[in-house]
N, C-alpha and C. Protein backbone atom coordinates (compact mmCIF):
# COMPACT_ATOMS: atom_id res chain seq x y z
N MET A 1 21.98 -16.13 7.68
CA MET A 1 21.06 -17.07 7.07
C MET A 1 20.30 -16.33 5.98
N GLU A 2 20.04 -17.00 4.85
CA GLU A 2 19.34 -16.38 3.73
C GLU A 2 18.21 -17.25 3.19
N ILE A 3 17.20 -16.57 2.72
CA ILE A 3 16.11 -17.20 1.98
C ILE A 3 16.09 -16.50 0.63
N ASN A 4 16.21 -17.27 -0.46
CA ASN A 4 16.12 -16.69 -1.79
C ASN A 4 14.75 -17.05 -2.35
N LEU A 5 13.90 -16.05 -2.52
CA LEU A 5 12.54 -16.32 -2.95
C LEU A 5 12.42 -16.76 -4.40
N VAL A 6 13.52 -16.73 -5.16
CA VAL A 6 13.45 -17.18 -6.55
C VAL A 6 12.96 -18.63 -6.63
N ASN A 7 13.23 -19.38 -5.61
CA ASN A 7 12.83 -20.79 -5.59
C ASN A 7 11.36 -21.01 -5.24
N TYR A 8 10.63 -19.93 -4.94
CA TYR A 8 9.28 -20.09 -4.42
C TYR A 8 8.22 -19.31 -5.21
N ARG A 9 8.50 -18.99 -6.44
CA ARG A 9 7.47 -18.35 -7.26
C ARG A 9 7.11 -19.28 -8.41
N GLY A 10 6.00 -18.97 -9.04
CA GLY A 10 5.51 -19.83 -10.11
C GLY A 10 6.45 -19.89 -11.30
N HIS A 11 6.36 -20.97 -12.03
CA HIS A 11 7.15 -21.16 -13.25
C HIS A 11 6.88 -20.02 -14.23
N ASP A 12 7.92 -19.40 -14.73
CA ASP A 12 7.81 -18.28 -15.67
C ASP A 12 7.05 -17.10 -15.09
N SER A 13 7.05 -16.95 -13.77
CA SER A 13 6.36 -15.84 -13.12
C SER A 13 7.39 -14.85 -12.59
N TYR A 14 7.02 -13.58 -12.63
CA TYR A 14 7.91 -12.53 -12.13
C TYR A 14 7.28 -11.78 -10.97
N SER A 15 6.20 -12.34 -10.42
CA SER A 15 5.55 -11.71 -9.29
C SER A 15 5.21 -12.77 -8.24
N PHE A 16 4.98 -12.28 -7.05
CA PHE A 16 4.58 -13.15 -5.94
C PHE A 16 3.16 -12.74 -5.56
N THR A 17 2.20 -13.64 -5.75
CA THR A 17 0.80 -13.32 -5.48
C THR A 17 0.11 -14.47 -4.77
N GLY A 18 -0.96 -14.14 -4.09
CA GLY A 18 -1.84 -15.14 -3.49
C GLY A 18 -1.47 -15.52 -2.08
N ARG A 19 -2.44 -15.40 -1.20
CA ARG A 19 -2.20 -15.74 0.21
C ARG A 19 -1.87 -17.23 0.36
N SER A 20 -2.60 -18.08 -0.35
CA SER A 20 -2.34 -19.52 -0.22
C SER A 20 -0.94 -19.87 -0.71
N GLU A 21 -0.45 -19.17 -1.75
CA GLU A 21 0.91 -19.40 -2.22
C GLU A 21 1.92 -18.96 -1.16
N GLY A 22 1.64 -17.84 -0.50
CA GLY A 22 2.51 -17.39 0.58
C GLY A 22 2.53 -18.37 1.75
N GLU A 23 1.35 -18.91 2.09
CA GLU A 23 1.28 -19.90 3.18
C GLU A 23 2.03 -21.17 2.81
N HIS A 24 1.89 -21.59 1.55
CA HIS A 24 2.60 -22.77 1.08
C HIS A 24 4.12 -22.54 1.14
N THR A 25 4.55 -21.36 0.73
CA THR A 25 5.97 -21.01 0.78
C THR A 25 6.47 -20.99 2.22
N ARG A 26 5.65 -20.46 3.12
CA ARG A 26 6.01 -20.43 4.55
C ARG A 26 6.32 -21.84 5.06
N LYS A 27 5.48 -22.79 4.69
CA LYS A 27 5.68 -24.17 5.13
C LYS A 27 6.94 -24.76 4.51
N LYS A 28 7.14 -24.52 3.20
CA LYS A 28 8.32 -25.07 2.51
C LYS A 28 9.62 -24.52 3.11
N ILE A 29 9.62 -23.25 3.45
CA ILE A 29 10.81 -22.62 4.03
C ILE A 29 11.01 -23.05 5.48
N GLY A 30 9.92 -23.35 6.17
CA GLY A 30 10.01 -23.68 7.59
C GLY A 30 10.12 -22.44 8.47
N LEU A 31 9.32 -21.41 8.15
CA LEU A 31 9.42 -20.15 8.89
C LEU A 31 9.05 -20.27 10.36
N ASP A 32 8.19 -21.21 10.71
CA ASP A 32 7.86 -21.37 12.14
C ASP A 32 9.12 -21.66 12.94
N LYS A 33 10.01 -22.48 12.38
CA LYS A 33 11.27 -22.79 13.06
C LYS A 33 12.23 -21.61 12.99
N LEU A 34 12.27 -20.92 11.85
CA LEU A 34 13.15 -19.76 11.73
C LEU A 34 12.75 -18.63 12.69
N ASP A 35 11.46 -18.49 12.94
CA ASP A 35 10.99 -17.45 13.84
C ASP A 35 11.59 -17.59 15.24
N ILE A 36 11.79 -18.83 15.67
CA ILE A 36 12.33 -19.03 17.02
C ILE A 36 13.84 -19.18 17.03
N ASN A 37 14.44 -19.32 15.86
CA ASN A 37 15.89 -19.38 15.73
C ASN A 37 16.44 -17.97 15.96
N PRO A 38 17.52 -17.83 16.73
CA PRO A 38 18.03 -16.48 17.04
C PRO A 38 18.74 -15.79 15.87
N ASN A 39 19.02 -16.49 14.79
CA ASN A 39 19.78 -15.91 13.68
C ASN A 39 18.99 -14.87 12.90
N HIS A 40 19.71 -13.88 12.41
CA HIS A 40 19.19 -12.86 11.49
C HIS A 40 18.95 -13.53 10.14
N VAL A 41 17.89 -13.15 9.43
CA VAL A 41 17.55 -13.77 8.16
C VAL A 41 17.44 -12.69 7.08
N ILE A 42 18.16 -12.89 6.00
CA ILE A 42 18.06 -12.01 4.83
C ILE A 42 17.14 -12.70 3.83
N VAL A 43 16.09 -11.99 3.43
CA VAL A 43 15.15 -12.51 2.44
C VAL A 43 15.49 -11.83 1.11
N ARG A 44 15.97 -12.62 0.16
CA ARG A 44 16.39 -12.08 -1.13
C ARG A 44 15.24 -12.15 -2.14
N ILE A 45 14.96 -10.99 -2.72
CA ILE A 45 13.94 -10.88 -3.75
C ILE A 45 14.67 -10.88 -5.09
N PRO A 46 14.32 -11.80 -5.99
CA PRO A 46 14.99 -11.85 -7.29
C PRO A 46 14.89 -10.53 -8.04
N GLY A 47 15.94 -10.15 -8.74
CA GLY A 47 16.01 -8.88 -9.43
C GLY A 47 15.00 -8.71 -10.55
N ASP A 48 14.50 -9.80 -11.10
CA ASP A 48 13.52 -9.69 -12.19
C ASP A 48 12.08 -9.69 -11.69
N THR A 49 11.89 -9.59 -10.38
CA THR A 49 10.55 -9.55 -9.79
C THR A 49 9.87 -8.24 -10.18
N THR A 50 8.57 -8.33 -10.53
CA THR A 50 7.82 -7.13 -10.90
C THR A 50 6.90 -6.65 -9.79
N SER A 51 6.48 -7.56 -8.88
CA SER A 51 5.64 -7.14 -7.76
C SER A 51 5.59 -8.21 -6.68
N ILE A 52 5.32 -7.73 -5.48
CA ILE A 52 5.07 -8.61 -4.34
C ILE A 52 3.73 -8.18 -3.79
N ASN A 53 2.74 -9.02 -3.99
CA ASN A 53 1.38 -8.73 -3.58
C ASN A 53 1.24 -8.85 -2.06
N PRO A 54 0.51 -7.92 -1.43
CA PRO A 54 0.33 -8.01 0.03
C PRO A 54 -0.27 -9.34 0.49
N SER A 55 -1.12 -9.94 -0.34
CA SER A 55 -1.73 -11.22 0.06
C SER A 55 -0.66 -12.31 0.17
N PHE A 56 0.28 -12.35 -0.78
CA PHE A 56 1.37 -13.31 -0.70
C PHE A 56 2.20 -13.06 0.56
N PHE A 57 2.54 -11.81 0.79
CA PHE A 57 3.34 -11.45 1.94
C PHE A 57 2.64 -11.84 3.24
N LEU A 58 1.34 -11.60 3.32
CA LEU A 58 0.58 -12.00 4.52
C LEU A 58 0.63 -13.50 4.73
N GLY A 59 0.45 -14.25 3.66
CA GLY A 59 0.53 -15.71 3.78
C GLY A 59 1.90 -16.15 4.26
N LEU A 60 2.92 -15.47 3.81
CA LEU A 60 4.30 -15.83 4.15
C LEU A 60 4.71 -15.36 5.54
N PHE A 61 4.40 -14.12 5.89
CA PHE A 61 4.97 -13.53 7.10
C PHE A 61 3.98 -13.10 8.18
N TYR A 62 2.68 -13.21 7.96
CA TYR A 62 1.73 -12.74 8.97
C TYR A 62 1.96 -13.41 10.33
N GLU A 63 2.09 -14.72 10.33
CA GLU A 63 2.28 -15.43 11.60
C GLU A 63 3.58 -14.99 12.29
N SER A 64 4.61 -14.69 11.52
CA SER A 64 5.88 -14.22 12.09
C SER A 64 5.70 -12.86 12.75
N ILE A 65 5.00 -11.96 12.07
CA ILE A 65 4.77 -10.62 12.62
C ILE A 65 3.92 -10.71 13.87
N LYS A 66 2.92 -11.58 13.84
CA LYS A 66 2.05 -11.77 15.00
C LYS A 66 2.84 -12.32 16.19
N LYS A 67 3.69 -13.31 15.94
CA LYS A 67 4.49 -13.93 17.00
C LYS A 67 5.57 -13.00 17.54
N LEU A 68 6.33 -12.42 16.62
CA LEU A 68 7.50 -11.65 17.01
C LEU A 68 7.16 -10.20 17.36
N GLU A 69 6.03 -9.72 16.90
CA GLU A 69 5.65 -8.32 16.95
C GLU A 69 6.55 -7.53 16.01
N LEU A 70 6.10 -6.37 15.62
CA LEU A 70 6.70 -5.62 14.52
C LEU A 70 8.18 -5.31 14.71
N ASP A 71 8.57 -4.78 15.86
CA ASP A 71 9.98 -4.40 16.07
C ASP A 71 10.92 -5.59 15.97
N ARG A 72 10.57 -6.68 16.62
CA ARG A 72 11.43 -7.87 16.56
C ARG A 72 11.44 -8.48 15.16
N PHE A 73 10.29 -8.45 14.47
CA PHE A 73 10.23 -8.95 13.10
C PHE A 73 11.19 -8.16 12.21
N LYS A 74 11.15 -6.84 12.31
CA LYS A 74 12.01 -5.99 11.47
C LYS A 74 13.49 -6.18 11.78
N LYS A 75 13.81 -6.52 13.02
CA LYS A 75 15.21 -6.79 13.37
C LYS A 75 15.66 -8.15 12.86
N LYS A 76 14.76 -9.10 12.87
CA LYS A 76 15.10 -10.47 12.48
C LYS A 76 15.17 -10.64 10.96
N TYR A 77 14.17 -10.10 10.25
CA TYR A 77 14.07 -10.30 8.80
C TYR A 77 14.46 -9.03 8.05
N GLU A 78 15.46 -9.16 7.21
CA GLU A 78 15.92 -8.06 6.36
C GLU A 78 15.60 -8.42 4.92
N PHE A 79 15.07 -7.47 4.17
CA PHE A 79 14.67 -7.72 2.79
C PHE A 79 15.65 -7.04 1.85
N SER A 80 16.07 -7.78 0.84
CA SER A 80 17.03 -7.28 -0.13
C SER A 80 16.54 -7.61 -1.54
N VAL A 81 16.51 -6.60 -2.40
CA VAL A 81 16.12 -6.80 -3.79
C VAL A 81 17.38 -6.87 -4.63
N ASP A 82 17.56 -7.97 -5.32
CA ASP A 82 18.78 -8.23 -6.09
C ASP A 82 18.73 -7.61 -7.48
N THR A 83 18.75 -6.27 -7.52
CA THR A 83 18.77 -5.56 -8.79
C THR A 83 19.50 -4.24 -8.63
N ASP A 84 20.07 -3.78 -9.72
CA ASP A 84 20.70 -2.46 -9.74
C ASP A 84 19.73 -1.39 -10.23
N ASP A 85 18.54 -1.80 -10.65
CA ASP A 85 17.51 -0.88 -11.13
C ASP A 85 16.90 -0.17 -9.91
N LYS A 86 17.31 1.06 -9.68
CA LYS A 86 16.89 1.79 -8.48
C LYS A 86 15.38 1.99 -8.42
N GLU A 87 14.76 2.24 -9.56
CA GLU A 87 13.31 2.45 -9.57
C GLU A 87 12.57 1.18 -9.18
N MET A 88 12.99 0.05 -9.73
CA MET A 88 12.34 -1.22 -9.40
C MET A 88 12.59 -1.58 -7.93
N LYS A 89 13.80 -1.35 -7.47
CA LYS A 89 14.11 -1.63 -6.07
C LYS A 89 13.22 -0.79 -5.15
N THR A 90 13.02 0.48 -5.48
CA THR A 90 12.15 1.36 -4.69
C THR A 90 10.72 0.85 -4.69
N ILE A 91 10.23 0.43 -5.86
CA ILE A 91 8.86 -0.09 -5.96
C ILE A 91 8.70 -1.34 -5.10
N LEU A 92 9.62 -2.29 -5.24
CA LEU A 92 9.50 -3.55 -4.50
C LEU A 92 9.66 -3.35 -3.00
N MET A 93 10.60 -2.49 -2.58
CA MET A 93 10.74 -2.22 -1.15
C MET A 93 9.50 -1.51 -0.62
N GLY A 94 8.86 -0.69 -1.47
CA GLY A 94 7.58 -0.08 -1.10
C GLY A 94 6.48 -1.12 -0.94
N ASN A 95 6.46 -2.11 -1.85
CA ASN A 95 5.51 -3.22 -1.72
C ASN A 95 5.69 -3.92 -0.38
N ILE A 96 6.93 -4.17 -0.02
CA ILE A 96 7.24 -4.87 1.22
C ILE A 96 6.85 -4.03 2.43
N ALA A 97 7.21 -2.76 2.43
CA ALA A 97 6.88 -1.87 3.56
C ALA A 97 5.37 -1.78 3.75
N GLU A 98 4.64 -1.66 2.65
CA GLU A 98 3.18 -1.60 2.72
C GLU A 98 2.60 -2.90 3.27
N ALA A 99 3.13 -4.02 2.82
CA ALA A 99 2.64 -5.32 3.29
C ALA A 99 2.96 -5.52 4.77
N ILE A 100 4.13 -5.10 5.22
CA ILE A 100 4.49 -5.21 6.64
C ILE A 100 3.53 -4.39 7.48
N GLN A 101 3.26 -3.17 7.04
CA GLN A 101 2.34 -2.31 7.81
C GLN A 101 0.94 -2.90 7.83
N TYR A 102 0.49 -3.42 6.70
CA TYR A 102 -0.83 -4.03 6.63
C TYR A 102 -0.91 -5.24 7.58
N ALA A 103 0.12 -6.08 7.55
CA ALA A 103 0.14 -7.26 8.43
C ALA A 103 0.17 -6.85 9.89
N SER A 104 0.95 -5.83 10.21
CA SER A 104 1.02 -5.34 11.59
C SER A 104 -0.34 -4.80 12.04
N ASN A 105 -0.98 -4.01 11.19
CA ASN A 105 -2.31 -3.49 11.52
C ASN A 105 -3.30 -4.63 11.72
N PHE A 106 -3.24 -5.62 10.85
CA PHE A 106 -4.14 -6.76 10.94
C PHE A 106 -3.90 -7.54 12.24
N ALA A 107 -2.61 -7.74 12.58
CA ALA A 107 -2.26 -8.48 13.81
C ALA A 107 -2.72 -7.73 15.05
N ASN A 108 -2.70 -6.41 14.97
CA ASN A 108 -3.11 -5.58 16.10
C ASN A 108 -4.57 -5.17 16.02
N LYS A 109 -5.29 -5.83 15.11
CA LYS A 109 -6.72 -5.61 14.91
C LYS A 109 -7.03 -4.15 14.54
N LYS A 110 -6.10 -3.56 13.78
CA LYS A 110 -6.31 -2.22 13.23
C LYS A 110 -6.41 -2.38 11.73
N SER A 111 -7.53 -2.03 11.19
CA SER A 111 -7.67 -2.10 9.73
C SER A 111 -8.59 -0.98 9.29
N GLY A 112 -8.52 -0.68 8.03
CA GLY A 112 -9.38 0.36 7.48
C GLY A 112 -9.21 1.67 8.22
N ILE A 113 -10.31 2.34 8.51
CA ILE A 113 -10.27 3.64 9.15
C ILE A 113 -9.73 3.57 10.58
N SER A 114 -9.90 2.42 11.25
CA SER A 114 -9.44 2.31 12.64
C SER A 114 -7.93 2.44 12.75
N SER A 115 -7.18 2.18 11.65
CA SER A 115 -5.73 2.31 11.71
C SER A 115 -5.30 3.78 11.74
N PHE A 116 -6.22 4.69 11.40
CA PHE A 116 -5.89 6.11 11.42
C PHE A 116 -6.38 6.81 12.68
N ILE A 117 -7.16 6.14 13.49
CA ILE A 117 -7.75 6.74 14.70
C ILE A 117 -6.83 6.54 15.89
């Protein structure tokens, strides 16, 4: 199963920003149903994307991480950046990894300095 995020960003936009936009995208995709579906999901990031803001990612996937917990979330959702530009792919995958960790910390009530203690 695949989700192509190209269909869920603003017109003429190359970034994904805003928690409310992420929440809106979550509803349009039907992630609540996908979370309970046993199928593996590949989330495709368009190759011309310049950034994925943590707030957008939280709006989109926070509830999934909270429900599934981090290990199950990572097994269920795979992220793929559709570009041959290795530097951009590294940056975007870093954006995603950072957002996943932030969401996990938030779900586990670890934030700020408490996440290091």
